[in-house]
Structure formats: C-alpha cells, structure tokens
Amino acid sequence: MNREQALAKIKKCLALSKSANPHEAAAGLRQAQALMALHSISDTDVTLADVRHCAAPARYAEMLLWESRLARLVADTFGCNMLHSSRLVKQFAGRLVKRSSYVFIGTSSAPEVASYAYDILSRQCAKSRLAHIRKQPKNCKPRTLIARGDEYALGWVTGVLDLLEKFAGTEKNCALLEQYMAQRYPDLKTITPKDRVTGRNTNENDWRAGIQAGRSVQLNRGLAAGAQQGLLA
C-alpha cells in the first residue's frame, strides 16, 4: 500500500468513525490511527488530501498577459488557485525547449473542470487572435501585429467573462487552499506577465472586435463523473 492508497483508506476509516454504531465508529477510528502511525501520516496530511491539482498546457512558453488573465478568470470561476509552471524539455537531437502550463488547484473535481475549460477557451482565443492578425494591413510591422493580436485577445477574454459568470458558484475553500499552497509551494515567486500591447500601435477596434468574438462563445452545462463540468462549443 503506497501513501496515496493509505490516505484513501484512512479517509474511509475516518468516515466510518462517525457511524451511529459505536462499535463501527470505534473500529474505524482505531484503524485510521493505526494506518496514520504506520505510514507517518499526520492529521494535516489527511486534511490536505482533499486538495487536488490539474495542469493544462499554456499556448506560449512565456507568461503572456492575455493568457494569464484567461487562466486567472477560469480559476476564479471554478473556485481554484492558479499558478504558472515552466520547465525545460529535451527534444530530438538533445535540444532543450521551454514548456509552460497553468496549474489549477482546488477541491473535488474543480481542478479538472477548470483545466478543461481553460484548455478549450485558450485554444479558441489563440485561433481567433490569429484570424484577427491576418486581417491587418500587409505593411504592418511584426511587433504591431503581435500587439494588435494581444489587444484583441484581451478583449476576447473580457467578452468571455459574462459567459463564465454563469458557471460561477463553485465554493472555494480559501483556508484549506492557503494551507496547501504554504506546505506544497513555499517558494513560489510572483511573475509579471509580459505586456506586448502598451506603447504599441493598437486601437480600440482591436479590443472591441475581441470582445464581440468572446461573447459569441457558447458554454453549455453538463455532467461528468457526477460533477458539473463545462462543455464548450
């Protein structure tokens, strides 16, 4: 029995310890205490076992403003904490490439639902952003194209906000998540997303076009494994 299996067994025993039958309750508590001692598992470990995390790949290696804003919006909607993670991956011929992801941390099925929603939405936003860039004049500089695309994407994220609010209501256990983050990620650093818009040649049309496109995204409620999950079309 590994640690994860032991935690699952302990939680079942603790649930049994709340039985109305005093003999069952006593047996459940004794077994839970024995397993905790055997596997060096504390009360805090049992409590934090309710917290789960799920990662979704970022579209870009750098932490961009529009993408991080979307990830934060999704995390807040589904009652999760969010962090940005990067690592170097060795590719063919030994070349190292930076890969990034957004990690959603929460309870129950919330992290999986948030990861799924972010993955689908970020793909749609990136595709719509590229289509907007292709509509720009041919004589635009690369930096201008990037800035206008990012401004459009920021508008797109704003447009999606109203739709995601329909899914709000997932209760966030702030105290439990803070305890989990402090124990599991004590050395987290604050990162400022890269802003490729400010000071560039953009206009309100980019922003407004993004908002309009974001509002056209359809979100449908569904059920998955007994938990509410967003099915995005």
Protein backbone atom coordinates (compact mmCIF):
# COMPACT_ATOMS: atom_id res chain seq x y z
CA MET A 1 0.00 0.00 0.00
CA ASN A 2 1.54 3.30 -1.09
CA ARG A 3 0.96 6.69 0.57
CA GLU A 4 -1.94 7.71 -1.70
CA GLN A 5 -3.70 4.41 -1.12
CA ALA A 6 -3.14 4.75 2.62
CA LEU A 7 -4.65 8.25 2.60
CA ALA A 8 -7.71 6.99 0.76
CA LYS A 9 -8.09 4.12 3.25
CA ILE A 10 -7.67 6.47 6.23
CA LYS A 11 -10.38 8.79 4.91
CA LYS A 12 -12.78 5.85 4.60
CA CYS A 13 -11.96 4.75 8.14
CA LEU A 14 -12.50 8.26 9.48
CA ALA A 15 -15.85 8.38 7.72
CA LEU A 16 -16.72 5.08 9.40
CA SER A 17 -15.67 6.56 12.77
CA LYS A 18 -18.67 8.90 12.51
CA SER A 19 -21.08 5.95 12.33
CA ALA A 20 -24.05 5.89 14.69
CA ASN A 21 -22.97 2.37 15.63
CA PRO A 22 -20.44 2.82 18.48
CA HIS A 23 -18.60 -0.41 17.67
CA GLU A 24 -18.19 0.54 13.99
CA ALA A 25 -17.12 4.05 14.96
CA ALA A 26 -14.50 2.80 17.40
CA ALA A 27 -13.15 0.25 14.91
CA GLY A 28 -12.92 2.88 12.17
CA LEU A 29 -11.05 5.30 14.39
CA ARG A 30 -8.62 2.62 15.61
CA GLN A 31 -7.85 1.51 12.06
CA ALA A 32 -7.38 5.10 10.90
CA GLN A 33 -4.97 5.83 13.75
CA ALA A 34 -3.03 2.61 13.06
CA LEU A 35 -2.66 3.43 9.37
CA MET A 36 -1.58 7.00 10.14
CA ALA A 37 1.11 5.76 12.52
CA LEU A 38 2.28 3.06 10.09
CA HIS A 39 2.64 5.47 7.15
CA SER A 40 3.73 8.55 9.16
CA ILE A 41 0.64 10.48 8.07
CA SER A 42 -0.50 13.44 10.15
CA ASP A 43 -3.92 15.00 10.64
CA THR A 44 -2.80 17.82 8.35
CA ASP A 45 -1.85 15.35 5.62
CA VAL A 46 -5.33 13.86 5.79
CA THR A 47 -6.97 17.28 5.60
CA LEU A 48 -4.85 18.39 2.64
CA ALA A 49 -5.58 15.14 0.79
CA ASP A 50 -8.85 16.77 -0.28
CA VAL A 51 -6.88 19.25 -2.39
CA ARG A 52 -6.07 18.24 -5.96
CA HIS A 53 -4.31 19.87 -8.88
CA CYS A 54 -4.55 19.59 -12.66
CA ALA A 55 -2.36 21.23 -15.30
CA ALA A 56 -3.22 22.46 -18.77
CA PRO A 57 -0.57 23.39 -21.35
CA ALA A 58 0.00 27.08 -21.99
CA ARG A 59 -0.16 28.20 -25.60
CA TYR A 60 3.16 30.05 -25.23
CA ALA A 61 6.32 29.41 -23.25
CA GLU A 62 6.31 32.98 -21.93
CA MET A 63 3.67 34.11 -19.47
CA LEU A 64 1.63 36.46 -21.64
CA LEU A 65 -0.85 38.98 -20.28
CA TRP A 66 -3.94 37.78 -22.15
CA GLU A 67 -3.31 34.10 -21.49
CA SER A 68 -2.59 34.54 -17.77
CA ARG A 69 -5.69 36.73 -17.44
CA LEU A 70 -7.81 33.99 -19.01
CA ALA A 71 -6.30 31.35 -16.70
CA ARG A 72 -6.99 33.53 -13.65
CA LEU A 73 -10.56 34.13 -14.77
CA VAL A 74 -11.18 30.40 -15.19
CA ALA A 75 -9.56 29.61 -11.82
CA ASP A 76 -11.75 32.15 -10.02
CA THR A 77 -14.87 30.86 -11.77
CA PHE A 78 -14.33 27.30 -10.58
CA GLY A 79 -13.05 28.10 -7.08
CA CYS A 80 -9.39 27.26 -7.70
CA ASN A 81 -5.98 28.73 -7.11
CA MET A 82 -3.77 29.02 -10.18
CA LEU A 83 -0.05 29.05 -10.80
CA HIS A 84 2.18 29.17 -13.87
CA SER A 85 4.79 26.45 -14.23
CA SER A 86 7.70 26.20 -16.68
CA ARG A 87 10.29 23.52 -17.35
CA LEU A 88 12.89 22.61 -19.95
CA VAL A 89 12.08 19.59 -22.11
CA LYS A 90 14.71 17.75 -24.13
CA GLN A 91 13.64 17.26 -27.73
CA PHE A 92 15.13 15.31 -30.60
CA ALA A 93 18.89 15.85 -31.02
CA GLY A 94 19.14 16.99 -27.38
CA ARG A 95 17.77 20.49 -27.91
CA LEU A 96 16.15 21.96 -24.79
CA VAL A 97 12.80 23.69 -25.25
CA LYS A 98 10.85 25.62 -22.62
CA ARG A 99 7.36 24.30 -21.96
CA SER A 100 4.82 26.06 -19.73
CA SER A 101 1.49 25.18 -18.19
CA TYR A 102 -1.18 26.60 -15.92
CA VAL A 103 -1.87 24.54 -12.82
CA PHE A 104 -5.32 24.71 -11.24
CA ILE A 105 -5.52 23.78 -7.55
CA GLY A 106 -8.78 23.11 -5.76
CA THR A 107 -11.05 20.53 -4.20
CA SER A 108 -13.27 17.79 -5.64
CA SER A 109 -13.47 17.91 -9.46
CA ALA A 110 -12.90 21.69 -9.69
CA PRO A 111 -9.25 21.50 -10.91
CA GLU A 112 -10.14 19.06 -13.71
CA VAL A 113 -13.09 21.17 -14.82
CA ALA A 114 -11.02 24.39 -14.71
CA SER A 115 -8.17 22.76 -16.64
CA TYR A 116 -10.60 21.52 -19.29
CA ALA A 117 -12.32 24.91 -19.60
CA TYR A 118 -9.02 26.78 -19.84
CA ASP A 119 -7.63 24.41 -22.47
CA ILE A 120 -10.66 24.76 -24.72
CA LEU A 121 -11.01 28.53 -24.25
CA SER A 122 -7.32 29.29 -24.75
CA ARG A 123 -7.32 27.30 -27.98
CA GLN A 124 -10.34 29.19 -29.25
CA CYS A 125 -8.85 32.53 -28.25
CA ALA A 126 -5.49 31.78 -29.89
CA LYS A 127 -7.25 30.73 -33.12
CA SER A 128 -9.45 33.83 -33.13
CA ARG A 129 -6.44 36.05 -32.35
CA LEU A 130 -4.54 34.65 -35.34
CA ALA A 131 -7.52 35.28 -37.62
CA HIS A 132 -7.61 38.91 -36.43
CA ILE A 133 -3.89 39.34 -37.13
CA ARG A 134 -4.35 38.05 -40.66
CA LYS A 135 -6.88 40.83 -41.30
CA GLN A 136 -4.29 43.55 -40.62
CA PRO A 137 -2.65 45.55 -43.43
CA LYS A 138 0.26 43.80 -45.13
CA ASN A 139 2.65 46.65 -44.31
CA CYS A 140 2.24 46.24 -40.52
CA LYS A 141 5.45 45.56 -38.60
CA PRO A 142 5.69 42.22 -36.76
CA ARG A 143 5.58 44.00 -33.37
CA THR A 144 2.43 45.83 -34.41
CA LEU A 145 0.78 42.59 -35.50
CA ILE A 146 1.65 40.97 -32.17
CA ALA A 147 0.36 43.97 -30.20
CA ARG A 148 -2.90 44.14 -32.12
CA GLY A 149 -3.36 40.41 -31.72
CA ASP A 150 -2.78 40.64 -27.97
CA GLU A 151 -5.13 43.63 -27.63
CA TYR A 152 -7.77 41.62 -29.47
CA ALA A 153 -7.15 38.62 -27.18
CA LEU A 154 -7.52 40.79 -24.07
CA GLY A 155 -10.87 41.98 -25.41
CA TRP A 156 -11.80 38.36 -26.16
CA VAL A 157 -11.12 37.38 -22.54
CA THR A 158 -13.29 40.26 -21.35
CA GLY A 159 -16.06 39.09 -23.67
CA VAL A 160 -15.93 35.57 -22.22
CA LEU A 161 -16.32 36.92 -18.66
CA ASP A 162 -20.09 37.30 -18.88
CA LEU A 163 -20.47 33.73 -20.11
CA LEU A 164 -18.20 32.22 -17.46
CA GLU A 165 -20.15 34.00 -14.74
CA LYS A 166 -23.00 31.59 -15.49
CA PHE A 167 -20.76 28.81 -14.16
CA ALA A 168 -19.74 30.69 -11.02
CA GLY A 169 -20.81 29.35 -7.66
CA THR A 170 -18.15 26.71 -7.02
CA GLU A 171 -17.31 27.22 -3.36
CA LYS A 172 -13.65 27.96 -2.75
CA ASN A 173 -12.14 26.68 0.48
CA CYS A 174 -9.68 29.54 0.84
CA ALA A 175 -8.24 28.47 4.20
CA LEU A 176 -7.58 24.91 3.02
CA LEU A 177 -6.00 26.07 -0.24
CA GLU A 178 -3.80 28.59 1.55
CA GLN A 179 -2.58 25.85 3.87
CA TYR A 180 -1.93 23.55 0.92
CA MET A 181 -0.04 26.23 -1.02
CA ALA A 182 2.09 27.14 2.01
CA GLN A 183 3.05 23.49 2.58
CA ARG A 184 3.49 22.30 -1.02
CA TYR A 185 4.74 25.50 -2.67
CA PRO A 186 6.61 27.51 -0.01
CA ASP A 187 8.99 29.14 -2.52
CA LEU A 188 6.50 30.48 -5.05
CA LYS A 189 7.50 33.68 -6.83
CA THR A 190 5.26 36.38 -8.24
CA ILE A 191 5.67 36.77 -12.00
CA THR A 192 4.54 39.78 -14.01
CA PRO A 193 3.01 38.65 -17.32
CA LYS A 194 4.63 40.02 -20.46
CA ASP A 195 2.70 43.01 -21.83
CA ARG A 196 3.16 43.28 -25.60
CA VAL A 197 0.42 45.89 -26.06
CA THR A 198 1.26 49.01 -24.04
CA GLY A 199 3.00 51.64 -26.16
CA ARG A 200 2.34 49.81 -29.44
CA ASN A 201 0.30 50.83 -32.46
CA THR A 202 -3.10 49.47 -31.46
CA ASN A 203 -6.58 50.98 -31.36
CA GLU A 204 -9.99 50.40 -29.79
CA ASN A 205 -11.13 48.42 -32.83
CA ASP A 206 -8.82 45.55 -31.82
CA TRP A 207 -10.27 45.50 -28.30
CA ARG A 208 -13.89 45.80 -29.43
CA ALA A 209 -13.50 43.08 -32.06
CA GLY A 210 -12.09 40.79 -29.38
CA ILE A 211 -14.98 41.46 -27.00
CA GLN A 212 -17.50 40.73 -29.74
CA ALA A 213 -15.82 37.43 -30.61
CA GLY A 214 -15.51 36.42 -26.95
CA ARG A 215 -19.22 36.99 -26.39
CA SER A 216 -20.03 34.60 -29.23
CA VAL A 217 -18.51 31.62 -27.41
CA GLN A 218 -21.20 29.20 -26.25
CA LEU A 219 -20.98 27.45 -22.90
CA ASN A 220 -23.26 24.56 -22.05
CA ARG A 221 -23.70 22.90 -18.70
CA GLY A 222 -23.10 19.18 -18.47
CA LEU A 223 -22.37 16.42 -16.02
CA ALA A 224 -19.16 14.39 -15.83
CA ALA A 225 -18.43 11.79 -13.16
CA GLY A 226 -21.23 13.22 -11.04
CA ALA A 227 -19.78 16.74 -11.09
CA GLN A 228 -20.75 19.81 -13.03
CA GLN A 229 -18.47 20.40 -15.99
CA GLY A 230 -18.42 22.97 -18.74
CA LEU A 231 -18.87 21.71 -22.28
CA LEU A 232 -17.61 24.47 -24.54
CA ALA A 233 -18.63 24.78 -28.15
